[in-house]
Protein backbone atom coordinates (compact mmCIF):
# COMPACT_ATOMS: atom_id res chain seq x y z
CA MET A 1 -65.25 -74.65 40.95
CA THR A 2 -64.99 -70.78 40.80
CA SER A 3 -67.11 -68.26 42.46
CA THR A 4 -66.48 -65.76 40.22
CA ALA A 5 -68.83 -65.20 36.54
CA LEU A 6 -67.89 -62.92 33.99
CA ILE A 7 -70.86 -61.17 32.33
CA LEU A 8 -70.61 -60.05 28.82
CA VAL A 9 -74.10 -58.01 28.27
CA ASP A 10 -75.16 -57.27 24.87
CA ILE A 11 -71.34 -57.25 22.62
CA GLN A 12 -73.66 -57.42 19.66
CA ASN A 13 -73.22 -56.52 15.84
CA ASP A 14 -76.07 -53.58 15.83
CA TYR A 15 -73.61 -51.48 18.46
CA PHE A 16 -70.79 -51.35 15.67
CA ASN A 17 -70.17 -49.06 13.15
CA ASP A 18 -72.10 -51.08 10.32
CA GLY A 19 -75.14 -52.15 12.60
CA ARG A 20 -78.43 -50.20 13.05
CA TRP A 21 -77.72 -48.17 16.35
CA PRO A 22 -73.72 -47.89 16.68
CA VAL A 23 -72.23 -46.74 19.91
CA ASP A 24 -69.12 -44.69 20.30
CA LYS A 25 -65.89 -46.72 20.48
CA MET A 26 -67.87 -50.10 20.45
CA LYS A 27 -64.89 -51.36 18.48
CA GLN A 28 -62.32 -50.91 21.28
CA ALA A 29 -64.44 -51.89 24.20
CA CYS A 30 -65.23 -55.14 22.68
CA ALA A 31 -61.51 -55.69 21.95
CA ASN A 32 -60.98 -55.06 25.90
CA ALA A 33 -63.89 -57.31 26.06
CA ALA A 34 -62.45 -60.02 24.26
CA ARG A 35 -59.31 -59.73 26.28
CA LEU A 36 -61.39 -60.31 29.43
CA LEU A 37 -63.12 -63.38 27.65
CA ALA A 38 -59.63 -64.94 27.30
CA HIS A 39 -58.46 -64.33 30.47
CA GLY A 40 -61.81 -65.67 31.85
CA ARG A 41 -61.61 -68.66 30.00
CA GLU A 42 -57.86 -69.32 30.98
CA GLU A 43 -58.65 -69.07 34.51
CA GLY A 44 -61.92 -71.23 34.60
CA LEU A 45 -64.42 -68.29 35.08
CA ALA A 46 -67.76 -69.06 34.65
CA ILE A 47 -68.77 -66.94 31.45
CA PHE A 48 -72.34 -65.83 30.78
CA HIS A 49 -72.96 -63.80 27.48
CA ILE A 50 -76.62 -61.91 27.41
CA ARG A 51 -78.04 -61.49 24.37
CA HIS A 52 -80.84 -58.79 24.24
CA GLU A 53 -83.42 -58.82 21.53
CA ILE A 54 -86.48 -56.75 21.31
CA PRO A 55 -89.28 -58.69 20.21
CA SER A 56 -90.75 -56.03 17.36
CA ASP A 57 -89.95 -55.86 13.88
CA THR A 58 -90.56 -51.95 13.96
CA ALA A 59 -87.54 -52.34 16.74
CA PRO A 60 -84.67 -49.74 16.18
CA PHE A 61 -82.06 -52.30 16.86
CA PHE A 62 -81.53 -56.07 18.18
CA ARG A 63 -84.75 -57.29 16.15
CA PRO A 64 -85.22 -61.35 16.66
CA GLY A 65 -83.70 -63.46 13.95
CA THR A 66 -81.35 -60.72 12.31
CA LYS A 67 -77.76 -60.30 11.86
CA GLY A 68 -77.59 -57.19 14.13
CA ALA A 69 -78.99 -59.19 16.91
CA GLU A 70 -76.20 -61.78 17.06
CA ILE A 71 -73.26 -61.64 19.41
CA HIS A 72 -70.16 -60.21 17.68
CA ALA A 73 -67.71 -62.99 16.62
CA SER A 74 -64.53 -61.18 18.86
CA VAL A 75 -66.51 -62.54 21.80
CA ALA A 76 -68.56 -65.70 20.46
CA PRO A 77 -69.80 -67.98 22.79
CA LYS A 78 -68.20 -71.64 22.87
CA ALA A 79 -69.21 -74.64 24.12
CA GLY A 80 -70.29 -74.80 27.41
CA GLU A 81 -70.72 -70.99 27.96
CA THR A 82 -74.31 -69.91 28.82
CA VAL A 83 -76.30 -67.74 26.50
CA ILE A 84 -78.94 -65.24 28.58
CA PRO A 85 -81.82 -63.85 26.30
CA LYS A 86 -83.40 -61.03 27.77
CA HIS A 87 -85.98 -58.24 26.37
CA ARG A 88 -85.35 -55.52 29.16
CA PRO A 89 -82.17 -53.41 30.32
CA ASN A 90 -81.38 -55.33 33.40
CA SER A 91 -80.02 -58.69 32.68
CA PHE A 92 -81.80 -60.31 36.07
CA GLN A 93 -85.37 -59.19 34.73
CA ASP A 94 -87.20 -61.82 33.41
CA THR A 95 -84.06 -63.85 32.72
CA GLY A 96 -82.53 -67.07 34.23
CA LEU A 97 -79.52 -65.56 35.02
CA GLN A 98 -80.03 -65.34 38.99
CA GLU A 99 -80.56 -69.12 38.95
CA ALA A 100 -77.67 -69.74 36.67
CA LEU A 101 -75.66 -67.93 39.02
CA GLN A 102 -77.12 -69.39 41.90
CA ALA A 103 -76.91 -72.84 40.53
CA GLN A 104 -72.97 -72.26 39.90
CA GLY A 105 -72.23 -70.79 43.78
CA ILE A 106 -71.30 -67.45 42.11
CA THR A 107 -71.00 -64.69 44.70
CA ASP A 108 -68.82 -62.16 41.98
CA LEU A 109 -69.13 -60.51 39.10
CA VAL A 110 -66.98 -59.03 36.29
CA ILE A 111 -69.19 -56.91 34.05
CA CYS A 112 -68.52 -55.63 30.71
CA GLY A 113 -70.28 -54.99 27.46
CA ALA A 114 -73.27 -51.81 26.58
CA MET A 115 -74.46 -49.57 27.05
CA SER A 116 -73.20 -47.83 29.89
CA GLN A 117 -75.97 -45.85 30.53
CA MET A 118 -78.36 -48.68 29.82
CA CYS A 119 -77.91 -52.33 30.35
CA ILE A 120 -74.23 -51.94 32.41
CA ASP A 121 -76.17 -49.69 34.70
CA SER A 122 -79.32 -51.23 35.47
CA THR A 123 -77.04 -55.12 35.33
CA THR A 124 -74.81 -53.39 37.80
CA ARG A 125 -77.58 -52.25 40.20
CA ALA A 126 -79.55 -54.61 40.17
CA ALA A 127 -76.37 -57.49 40.71
CA VAL A 128 -75.60 -55.47 43.68
CA ASP A 129 -79.09 -55.61 45.16
CA LEU A 130 -79.13 -59.38 44.71
CA GLY A 131 -75.69 -59.44 46.93
CA TYR A 132 -73.34 -59.86 44.43
CA LYS A 133 -69.71 -57.98 45.01
CA VAL A 134 -69.45 -56.60 41.06
CA THR A 135 -66.30 -55.42 39.49
CA LEU A 136 -66.92 -53.19 36.38
CA VAL A 137 -64.82 -53.05 33.58
CA GLN A 138 -64.95 -49.48 32.37
CA ASP A 139 -63.01 -49.53 29.14
CA ALA A 140 -64.84 -52.71 28.14
CA CYS A 141 -68.09 -50.45 28.10
CA GLY A 142 -69.41 -48.46 25.27
CA ALA A 143 -71.96 -45.32 25.56
CA LYS A 144 -74.10 -43.69 23.17
CA GLU A 145 -74.61 -39.73 22.93
CA GLN A 146 -77.54 -38.98 24.29
CA ILE A 147 -80.14 -35.61 23.76
CA PHE A 148 -82.10 -34.42 26.20
CA ASN A 149 -84.19 -31.32 26.83
CA GLY A 150 -82.61 -30.11 23.47
CA LEU A 151 -78.92 -30.49 25.00
CA THR A 152 -76.51 -32.97 22.95
CA VAL A 153 -74.27 -35.00 25.30
CA PRO A 154 -71.22 -36.97 24.36
CA ALA A 155 -71.05 -40.41 24.66
CA ALA A 156 -67.51 -40.00 26.62
CA GLN A 157 -69.78 -37.79 29.16
CA VAL A 158 -72.67 -40.19 29.32
CA HIS A 159 -70.23 -42.78 30.28
CA ALA A 160 -68.14 -40.90 32.70
CA ALA A 161 -71.48 -39.94 33.98
CA PHE A 162 -73.00 -43.38 34.66
CA MET A 163 -69.53 -44.80 36.37
CA ALA A 164 -68.68 -42.07 38.43
CA PRO A 165 -71.94 -43.23 40.46
CA LEU A 166 -71.43 -47.01 39.74
CA ALA A 167 -67.58 -46.52 41.37
CA MET A 168 -69.26 -44.42 44.42
CA SER A 169 -71.54 -46.60 45.55
CA PHE A 170 -72.23 -49.68 43.36
CA ALA A 171 -69.06 -51.61 42.00
CA GLN A 172 -65.30 -51.67 41.96
CA VAL A 173 -64.70 -49.75 38.59
CA VAL A 174 -61.46 -50.68 36.90
CA SER A 175 -59.89 -50.52 33.47
CA THR A 176 -58.85 -53.79 31.69
CA ASP A 177 -55.17 -53.42 32.62
CA ALA A 178 -55.77 -53.04 36.07
CA TYR A 179 -58.27 -55.96 36.27
CA LEU A 180 -55.74 -58.50 34.12
CA ALA A 181 -53.00 -57.28 36.11
CA GLY A 182 -54.88 -58.28 39.66
CA GLY A 183 -56.29 -55.10 40.32
CA GLY A 184 -59.93 -56.31 39.77
């Protein structure tokens, strides 16, 4: 039994170019996540898919029952892989993720998905607070540009601004290639 789990956070259709809330370079991030998923399956890692739904008919994206809220086909769950629904950015908050990880004796997490500045950040920080050793695969994560105080911050800068502090104090932040080469 493995002590490592791969957590794929919110890799859902609405984050792609034809979705309701496109994330910059989501196609590339998803391709890397698919590589991680294939590797995780080959290595027998525990696989957890996190699926965000915003329970409102007026939500800007991830509306329940819509195609946009579905997990992208390239990283679709297979039989035996756990899908955890959530309604908040933190994948642990009000979900069964912590209990499911504990039941399988998981101590180490590999995290990827979207968005870097929201669900990846809050899930990574929560995981560390709960005692997990976290590897965050940064190029398998996507960010969205943000506007703050009249300033538009490009997605690449948003991504870097979140990865830097996570690398400093919370997780081992690596590329997909480095992780697959055994550097994760």
